[in-house]
Amino acid sequence: MSRRNDPKVLAAIGLGGALGAPARYGIAQAVDITPGTFPWGTFWINVSGSFALGFFLVLVLDRFPPTRYLRPFVATGFLGAYTTYSTFAVECVLLTRNGHWAVALAYAAASIAAGLSAVWSGILVARAVPSSRRDPT
């Protein structure tokens, strides 16, 4: 059986998603958004998720012993459900459709720039964490 079809891996992804989606919802509910303004809730969710993904993947792939279920649980499941490209896209469309072109453009540009900066920052921070792997030399 391939790893893709492994029911335990799929269960890890599902469990991660079941935790990530309510985390996103809770944060989105805590941030009050007025129609036609910058969608701060989605912005901070996606930026924090980008940082977490960069940080986590370096730890899992480079620093700590490999596990079969941790990466699918956190990266695909939790962070996949926590971050949201679809909401970002819909918010951009609604802003432009309602005549808020400048806000939509600022939101799109800031989301891309901040997301890339956040994932890179997560990678750099994780690389500063000492490795638990033993050097074979």
N, C-alpha and C. Protein backbone atom coordinates (compact mmCIF):
# COMPACT_ATOMS: atom_id res chain seq x y z
N MET A 1 0.85 -1.18 0.00
CA MET A 1 0.00 0.00 0.00
C MET A 1 0.90 1.23 0.00
N SER A 2 0.59 2.18 -0.87
CA SER A 2 1.38 3.40 -0.93
C SER A 2 1.04 4.30 0.26
N ARG A 3 1.94 5.20 0.55
CA ARG A 3 1.73 6.12 1.66
C ARG A 3 0.50 6.99 1.42
N ARG A 4 0.24 7.32 0.18
CA ARG A 4 -0.94 8.14 -0.15
C ARG A 4 -2.23 7.47 0.25
N ASN A 5 -2.28 6.18 0.16
CA ASN A 5 -3.51 5.45 0.44
C ASN A 5 -3.53 4.84 1.84
N ASP A 6 -2.54 5.13 2.63
CA ASP A 6 -2.46 4.58 3.98
C ASP A 6 -3.56 5.21 4.84
N PRO A 7 -4.49 4.42 5.33
CA PRO A 7 -5.59 4.97 6.14
C PRO A 7 -5.11 5.72 7.38
N LYS A 8 -3.97 5.32 7.95
CA LYS A 8 -3.46 6.01 9.13
C LYS A 8 -2.94 7.41 8.78
N VAL A 9 -2.32 7.54 7.61
CA VAL A 9 -1.86 8.86 7.16
C VAL A 9 -3.07 9.74 6.87
N LEU A 10 -4.08 9.18 6.21
CA LEU A 10 -5.29 9.94 5.93
C LEU A 10 -5.99 10.35 7.23
N ALA A 11 -5.96 9.47 8.23
CA ALA A 11 -6.55 9.81 9.52
C ALA A 11 -5.77 10.94 10.19
N ALA A 12 -4.45 10.92 10.08
CA ALA A 12 -3.63 12.00 10.64
C ALA A 12 -3.96 13.32 9.97
N ILE A 13 -4.12 13.32 8.65
CA ILE A 13 -4.49 14.54 7.92
C ILE A 13 -5.87 15.01 8.38
N GLY A 14 -6.82 14.09 8.45
CA GLY A 14 -8.17 14.44 8.87
C GLY A 14 -8.22 15.01 10.28
N LEU A 15 -7.47 14.40 11.19
CA LEU A 15 -7.44 14.90 12.57
C LEU A 15 -6.82 16.29 12.61
N GLY A 16 -5.74 16.49 11.87
CA GLY A 16 -5.12 17.81 11.82
C GLY A 16 -6.08 18.85 11.26
N GLY A 17 -6.77 18.49 10.19
CA GLY A 17 -7.75 19.41 9.61
C GLY A 17 -8.90 19.70 10.55
N ALA A 18 -9.31 18.69 11.31
CA ALA A 18 -10.41 18.87 12.27
C ALA A 18 -10.02 19.84 13.39
N LEU A 19 -8.72 19.98 13.64
CA LEU A 19 -8.26 20.94 14.64
C LEU A 19 -7.91 22.30 14.02
N GLY A 20 -7.40 22.29 12.80
CA GLY A 20 -7.00 23.53 12.14
C GLY A 20 -8.17 24.40 11.73
N ALA A 21 -9.23 23.80 11.23
CA ALA A 21 -10.38 24.58 10.77
C ALA A 21 -11.05 25.35 11.91
N PRO A 22 -11.31 24.74 13.07
CA PRO A 22 -11.90 25.52 14.16
C PRO A 22 -10.94 26.60 14.70
N ALA A 23 -9.63 26.32 14.62
CA ALA A 23 -8.66 27.35 15.05
C ALA A 23 -8.79 28.58 14.15
N ARG A 24 -8.87 28.34 12.84
CA ARG A 24 -9.06 29.46 11.91
C ARG A 24 -10.37 30.18 12.18
N TYR A 25 -11.43 29.44 12.36
CA TYR A 25 -12.74 30.04 12.60
C TYR A 25 -12.72 30.89 13.87
N GLY A 26 -12.11 30.37 14.92
CA GLY A 26 -12.06 31.12 16.17
C GLY A 26 -11.30 32.43 16.03
N ILE A 27 -10.19 32.40 15.33
CA ILE A 27 -9.43 33.63 15.13
C ILE A 27 -10.22 34.60 14.26
N ALA A 28 -10.83 34.09 13.20
CA ALA A 28 -11.62 34.95 12.32
C ALA A 28 -12.77 35.62 13.07
N GLN A 29 -13.36 34.91 14.01
CA GLN A 29 -14.46 35.48 14.79
C GLN A 29 -13.98 36.55 15.76
N ALA A 30 -12.74 36.45 16.19
CA ALA A 30 -12.20 37.40 17.16
C ALA A 30 -11.82 38.74 16.52
N VAL A 31 -11.69 38.76 15.19
CA VAL A 31 -11.28 39.97 14.49
C VAL A 31 -12.48 40.57 13.78
N ASP A 32 -12.87 41.76 14.18
CA ASP A 32 -14.02 42.43 13.59
C ASP A 32 -13.61 43.06 12.26
N ILE A 33 -14.32 42.71 11.21
CA ILE A 33 -14.03 43.23 9.88
C ILE A 33 -15.25 44.00 9.37
N THR A 34 -15.01 45.23 8.99
CA THR A 34 -16.05 46.04 8.38
C THR A 34 -15.98 45.84 6.87
N PRO A 35 -17.11 45.60 6.21
CA PRO A 35 -17.09 45.42 4.76
C PRO A 35 -16.38 46.58 4.06
N GLY A 36 -15.57 46.24 3.08
CA GLY A 36 -14.85 47.26 2.32
C GLY A 36 -13.52 47.65 2.92
N THR A 37 -13.16 47.03 4.07
CA THR A 37 -11.88 47.35 4.70
C THR A 37 -10.94 46.15 4.58
N PHE A 38 -9.72 46.38 4.96
CA PHE A 38 -8.67 45.34 4.89
C PHE A 38 -9.08 44.14 5.74
N PRO A 39 -9.08 42.93 5.17
CA PRO A 39 -9.49 41.72 5.89
C PRO A 39 -8.39 41.20 6.83
N TRP A 40 -8.23 41.85 7.95
CA TRP A 40 -7.13 41.53 8.86
C TRP A 40 -7.17 40.11 9.39
N GLY A 41 -8.34 39.57 9.63
CA GLY A 41 -8.43 38.21 10.17
C GLY A 41 -7.78 37.19 9.26
N THR A 42 -8.18 37.15 8.01
CA THR A 42 -7.61 36.21 7.05
C THR A 42 -6.13 36.50 6.83
N PHE A 43 -5.79 37.78 6.77
CA PHE A 43 -4.40 38.16 6.57
C PHE A 43 -3.51 37.56 7.66
N TRP A 44 -3.87 37.77 8.94
CA TRP A 44 -3.03 37.27 10.03
C TRP A 44 -3.06 35.75 10.14
N ILE A 45 -4.17 35.15 9.81
CA ILE A 45 -4.24 33.68 9.79
C ILE A 45 -3.25 33.14 8.76
N ASN A 46 -3.28 33.68 7.56
CA ASN A 46 -2.41 33.18 6.50
C ASN A 46 -0.94 33.48 6.77
N VAL A 47 -0.64 34.64 7.33
CA VAL A 47 0.75 34.99 7.64
C VAL A 47 1.28 34.10 8.77
N SER A 48 0.49 33.92 9.82
CA SER A 48 0.95 33.06 10.92
C SER A 48 1.07 31.60 10.46
N GLY A 49 0.17 31.16 9.60
CA GLY A 49 0.26 29.81 9.06
C GLY A 49 1.48 29.63 8.18
N SER A 50 1.84 30.66 7.42
CA SER A 50 3.04 30.59 6.59
C SER A 50 4.29 30.48 7.45
N PHE A 51 4.35 31.27 8.51
CA PHE A 51 5.49 31.18 9.43
C PHE A 51 5.55 29.78 10.04
N ALA A 52 4.41 29.30 10.52
CA ALA A 52 4.37 27.97 11.15
C ALA A 52 4.79 26.88 10.19
N LEU A 53 4.38 26.98 8.93
CA LEU A 53 4.73 25.96 7.95
C LEU A 53 6.24 25.95 7.70
N GLY A 54 6.83 27.13 7.50
CA GLY A 54 8.28 27.20 7.30
C GLY A 54 9.04 26.64 8.49
N PHE A 55 8.62 27.05 9.67
CA PHE A 55 9.27 26.60 10.91
C PHE A 55 9.13 25.09 11.08
N PHE A 56 7.92 24.62 10.96
CA PHE A 56 7.64 23.20 11.20
C PHE A 56 8.34 22.28 10.21
N LEU A 57 8.30 22.63 8.93
CA LEU A 57 8.90 21.74 7.93
C LEU A 57 10.40 21.62 8.09
N VAL A 58 11.07 22.70 8.47
CA VAL A 58 12.51 22.60 8.73
C VAL A 58 12.75 21.67 9.92
N LEU A 59 11.97 21.83 10.97
CA LEU A 59 12.17 20.96 12.14
C LEU A 59 11.94 19.50 11.79
N VAL A 60 10.86 19.24 11.07
CA VAL A 60 10.51 17.85 10.76
C VAL A 60 11.47 17.24 9.73
N LEU A 61 11.85 18.00 8.73
CA LEU A 61 12.66 17.44 7.65
C LEU A 61 14.16 17.49 7.93
N ASP A 62 14.62 18.48 8.69
CA ASP A 62 16.06 18.65 8.88
C ASP A 62 16.56 18.45 10.30
N ARG A 63 15.73 18.66 11.29
CA ARG A 63 16.25 18.71 12.65
C ARG A 63 15.92 17.51 13.53
N PHE A 64 14.74 16.96 13.37
CA PHE A 64 14.30 15.90 14.25
C PHE A 64 14.15 14.59 13.48
N PRO A 65 14.16 13.48 14.18
CA PRO A 65 14.01 12.19 13.50
C PRO A 65 12.69 12.15 12.72
N PRO A 66 12.72 11.53 11.55
CA PRO A 66 11.50 11.49 10.73
C PRO A 66 10.40 10.66 11.39
N THR A 67 9.17 11.10 11.17
CA THR A 67 8.00 10.35 11.62
C THR A 67 7.06 10.21 10.44
N ARG A 68 6.27 9.19 10.46
CA ARG A 68 5.36 8.93 9.34
C ARG A 68 4.11 9.79 9.37
N TYR A 69 3.68 10.23 10.55
CA TYR A 69 2.38 10.87 10.67
C TYR A 69 2.44 12.35 11.04
N LEU A 70 3.55 12.83 11.56
CA LEU A 70 3.60 14.20 12.05
C LEU A 70 3.47 15.23 10.92
N ARG A 71 4.21 15.04 9.83
CA ARG A 71 4.13 16.01 8.73
C ARG A 71 2.73 16.04 8.12
N PRO A 72 2.11 14.89 7.82
CA PRO A 72 0.74 14.96 7.29
C PRO A 72 -0.25 15.60 8.28
N PHE A 73 -0.07 15.29 9.57
CA PHE A 73 -0.97 15.85 10.58
C PHE A 73 -0.85 17.37 10.66
N VAL A 74 0.37 17.88 10.77
CA VAL A 74 0.55 19.32 10.97
C VAL A 74 0.50 20.09 9.66
N ALA A 75 1.35 19.71 8.70
CA ALA A 75 1.48 20.51 7.48
C ALA A 75 0.26 20.42 6.58
N THR A 76 -0.16 19.21 6.27
CA THR A 76 -1.29 19.04 5.36
C THR A 76 -2.62 19.23 6.09
N GLY A 77 -2.74 18.61 7.24
CA GLY A 77 -4.01 18.65 7.97
C GLY A 77 -4.25 19.96 8.69
N PHE A 78 -3.50 20.21 9.77
CA PHE A 78 -3.76 21.39 10.60
C PHE A 78 -3.54 22.68 9.82
N LEU A 79 -2.34 22.86 9.27
CA LEU A 79 -2.04 24.13 8.60
C LEU A 79 -2.79 24.26 7.28
N GLY A 80 -3.07 23.15 6.62
CA GLY A 80 -3.88 23.20 5.41
C GLY A 80 -5.29 23.69 5.68
N ALA A 81 -5.85 23.31 6.80
CA ALA A 81 -7.19 23.77 7.17
C ALA A 81 -7.15 25.13 7.85
N TYR A 82 -6.06 25.43 8.53
CA TYR A 82 -5.92 26.71 9.24
C TYR A 82 -5.77 27.87 8.26
N THR A 83 -4.89 27.72 7.28
CA THR A 83 -4.71 28.79 6.30
C THR A 83 -5.79 28.67 5.23
N THR A 84 -6.01 29.75 4.50
CA THR A 84 -7.12 29.71 3.57
C THR A 84 -6.90 30.59 2.35
N TYR A 85 -6.50 29.95 1.26
CA TYR A 85 -6.38 30.69 0.00
C TYR A 85 -7.77 31.05 -0.54
N SER A 86 -8.71 30.16 -0.37
CA SER A 86 -10.04 30.41 -0.94
C SER A 86 -10.69 31.64 -0.32
N THR A 87 -10.59 31.81 0.98
CA THR A 87 -11.16 33.01 1.62
C THR A 87 -10.43 34.25 1.15
N PHE A 88 -9.11 34.17 1.05
CA PHE A 88 -8.31 35.28 0.53
C PHE A 88 -8.79 35.67 -0.87
N ALA A 89 -8.98 34.70 -1.74
CA ALA A 89 -9.42 34.99 -3.11
C ALA A 89 -10.82 35.61 -3.14
N VAL A 90 -11.73 35.06 -2.36
CA VAL A 90 -13.10 35.59 -2.32
C VAL A 90 -13.09 37.01 -1.78
N GLU A 91 -12.31 37.26 -0.74
CA GLU A 91 -12.25 38.61 -0.19
C GLU A 91 -11.72 39.60 -1.22
N CYS A 92 -10.71 39.20 -1.99
CA CYS A 92 -10.19 40.08 -3.06
C CYS A 92 -11.26 40.36 -4.11
N VAL A 93 -11.99 39.33 -4.51
CA VAL A 93 -13.05 39.50 -5.50
C VAL A 93 -14.15 40.43 -4.97
N LEU A 94 -14.58 40.20 -3.74
CA LEU A 94 -15.64 41.04 -3.16
C LEU A 94 -15.20 42.49 -3.02
N LEU A 95 -13.96 42.69 -2.61
CA LEU A 95 -13.46 44.07 -2.49
C LEU A 95 -13.48 44.77 -3.84
N THR A 96 -13.00 44.09 -4.87
CA THR A 96 -12.98 44.72 -6.20
C THR A 96 -14.39 44.91 -6.75
N ARG A 97 -15.24 43.92 -6.57
CA ARG A 97 -16.61 44.02 -7.07
C ARG A 97 -17.37 45.18 -6.41
N ASN A 98 -17.03 45.46 -5.16
CA ASN A 98 -17.70 46.54 -4.44
C ASN A 98 -16.97 47.87 -4.55
N GLY A 99 -16.03 47.94 -5.49
CA GLY A 99 -15.37 49.22 -5.77
C GLY A 99 -14.20 49.58 -4.88
N HIS A 100 -13.72 48.64 -4.09
CA HIS A 100 -12.60 48.90 -3.18
C HIS A 100 -11.31 48.36 -3.78
N TRP A 101 -10.98 48.85 -4.98
CA TRP A 101 -9.82 48.36 -5.72
C TRP A 101 -8.53 48.56 -4.96
N ALA A 102 -8.35 49.71 -4.36
CA ALA A 102 -7.10 50.00 -3.66
C ALA A 102 -6.91 49.06 -2.47
N VAL A 103 -7.99 48.81 -1.74
CA VAL A 103 -7.90 47.89 -0.60
C VAL A 103 -7.60 46.48 -1.09
N ALA A 104 -8.25 46.06 -2.17
CA ALA A 104 -8.01 44.72 -2.73
C ALA A 104 -6.56 44.57 -3.19
N LEU A 105 -6.04 45.57 -3.86
CA LEU A 105 -4.67 45.52 -4.34
C LEU A 105 -3.69 45.50 -3.17
N ALA A 106 -3.94 46.36 -2.17
CA ALA A 106 -3.07 46.38 -0.98
C ALA A 106 -3.13 45.04 -0.24
N TYR A 107 -4.32 44.49 -0.13
CA TYR A 107 -4.50 43.21 0.55
C TYR A 107 -3.77 42.08 -0.18
N ALA A 108 -3.92 42.03 -1.50
CA ALA A 108 -3.25 40.98 -2.28
C ALA A 108 -1.74 41.12 -2.19
N ALA A 109 -1.24 42.33 -2.38
CA ALA A 109 0.21 42.55 -2.35
C ALA A 109 0.78 42.28 -0.95
N ALA A 110 0.11 42.78 0.06
CA ALA A 110 0.59 42.59 1.44
C ALA A 110 0.53 41.11 1.83
N SER A 111 -0.51 40.41 1.41
CA SER A 111 -0.63 38.99 1.75
C SER A 111 0.49 38.18 1.13
N ILE A 112 0.79 38.44 -0.12
CA ILE A 112 1.87 37.70 -0.79
C ILE A 112 3.22 38.04 -0.17
N ALA A 113 3.48 39.33 0.00
CA ALA A 113 4.77 39.75 0.57
C ALA A 113 4.94 39.26 2.01
N ALA A 114 3.92 39.44 2.81
CA ALA A 114 4.01 39.01 4.21
C ALA A 114 4.06 37.49 4.32
N GLY A 115 3.31 36.78 3.48
CA GLY A 115 3.33 35.32 3.51
C GLY A 115 4.71 34.77 3.17
N LEU A 116 5.32 35.31 2.11
CA LEU A 116 6.66 34.86 1.74
C LEU A 116 7.69 35.23 2.81
N SER A 117 7.56 36.42 3.37
CA SER A 117 8.47 36.83 4.44
C SER A 117 8.29 35.95 5.68
N ALA A 118 7.05 35.61 5.97
CA ALA A 118 6.77 34.80 7.16
C ALA A 118 7.32 33.39 7.00
N VAL A 119 7.12 32.77 5.84
CA VAL A 119 7.63 31.41 5.66
C VAL A 119 9.15 31.42 5.71
N TRP A 120 9.77 32.42 5.12
CA TRP A 120 11.23 32.52 5.15
C TRP A 120 11.71 32.74 6.59
N SER A 121 11.02 33.59 7.34
CA SER A 121 11.37 33.81 8.74
C SER A 121 11.23 32.53 9.56
N GLY A 122 10.17 31.78 9.31
CA GLY A 122 9.98 30.50 9.99
C GLY A 122 11.12 29.55 9.71
N ILE A 123 11.57 29.52 8.46
CA ILE A 123 12.70 28.66 8.08
C ILE A 123 13.96 29.09 8.83
N LEU A 124 14.22 30.39 8.85
CA LEU A 124 15.43 30.89 9.53
C LEU A 124 15.40 30.63 11.02
N VAL A 125 14.26 30.83 11.64
CA VAL A 125 14.14 30.58 13.08
C VAL A 125 14.33 29.09 13.37
N ALA A 126 13.73 28.24 12.57
CA ALA A 126 13.86 26.80 12.79
C ALA A 126 15.29 26.33 12.57
N ARG A 127 15.99 26.92 11.63
CA ARG A 127 17.38 26.53 11.40
C ARG A 127 18.28 26.89 12.57
N ALA A 128 17.84 27.80 13.40
CA ALA A 128 18.60 28.17 14.59
C ALA A 128 18.40 27.18 15.74
N VAL A 129 17.40 26.31 15.61
CA VAL A 129 17.13 25.29 16.64
C VAL A 129 18.17 24.19 16.50
N PRO A 130 18.82 23.83 17.61
CA PRO A 130 19.81 22.75 17.53
C PRO A 130 19.20 21.44 17.05
N SER A 131 19.95 20.68 16.30
CA SER A 131 19.47 19.43 15.75
C SER A 131 19.57 18.32 16.78
N SER A 132 18.59 17.42 16.76
CA SER A 132 18.66 16.23 17.63
C SER A 132 19.29 15.06 16.89
N ARG A 133 19.51 15.23 15.60
CA ARG A 133 20.17 14.18 14.82
C ARG A 133 21.65 14.18 15.12
N ARG A 134 22.20 13.01 15.20
CA ARG A 134 23.65 12.90 15.48
C ARG A 134 24.43 13.01 14.20
N ASP A 135 25.50 13.77 14.28
CA ASP A 135 26.40 13.91 13.15
C ASP A 135 27.20 12.63 13.01
N PRO A 136 27.17 11.99 11.83
CA PRO A 136 27.85 10.70 11.67
C PRO A 136 29.38 10.81 11.70
N THR A 137 29.93 12.00 11.70
CA THR A 137 31.40 12.13 11.69
C THR A 137 32.00 12.06 13.06
